[in-house]
Amino acid sequence: MAGWRLEIEHKTGFNYDGRVGASYNEARMTPRDEPHQAVLDARVQVWPAARTHRYEDYWGTVVTAFDVHTPHERLAVTASATVETLPADGLAAGASWADLAVPGTVDRWHELLLPTPHTALDEELTALADELRGAHDTPHGAALAVCERVNTEVAYVAGSTGVQTDAVQAWRQRSGVCQDLSHLTAGLLRAMGVPARYVSGYLHPTADAPIDEPVVGQSHAWVEWWAGRWTGFDPTNGIVIGERHVVVGRGREYGDVPPLKGVYAGPPNTGQGVSVQITRRR
């Protein structure tokens, strides 16, 4: 099964309105080693220079933690990685609705069945979840229908929402970014009784990407659901997860996997810059 080799450079950070005395930060920008992707190299560089500590959080995401005690007006973080990815396997999950209702299954995935601040639904969306569940004999079929409905009815519009936007707001305005479409999809899946994870990572924007040509990539989000096994799907683009996607983190919603977060002592933050460059090497 031929896959891709992708080189990724993700730059982000904060600018401050004056000198910051100290900051305490966590970066979730390192891809994971797992069955569908192999991390050949990964590193995180920080400026001003600081000692870093790496660990896995509760959800299994690699976290680079660091404190900066040098006075600074700008914080810059660069994450670089080389990852080999595999195409989508195309296998359908085989669990039934009865299988998902078994107490052991519910207990196992309890946290991934509950609504969160960004994935909670209103009455209209809860009714939609009931409708889609009732129209499909299997959880996998219903999950695919959820992704199709979200992809069809909610337009991707860059800049149309912010990090505080929730699933209900995105649905009502029928627009959002990948974060919003993923929150909405996860909320509908959970309302149907299907365990769902929010996934953060990277996406190469071109399906037939040329070799050795750097392009502007995307820090991206999608979903995974459990119906006998975990299945990944990108509702923003309407595609299964394949060689163009690189997983960084998983959780209940964006708040579990922000690329960079922290606290600091000093003047206001005047903005965050973000850039992602991806190069296909094979």
Foldseek 3Di string as FASTA:
>chain_A
DAFFKKKKKKKKWFFFPAKFQKWKKKFLAFFDDDDFKHWPDKDKAKPVGWDWDWDADPQRFIIIITMDRHIDRMIMMMMITIMIGFFDPPDFFDFWPVNLPPVVNCVVLVQQLDADQQQADDPVLLVVLVVLLVVDGGLRNSLLVLLQVLQVQAAEDPPPDDPNHHQHNSNVVSYYHQQNSQSPSSSSSSSNSWRKKKWWWWFDPDPPDDAFDKDWIDGHIWMWTDRNHIFTARSNVSGGDTNRTTTRGIDNGCVVRPRMDIDTDDGDTPDMDITMMMGIHD
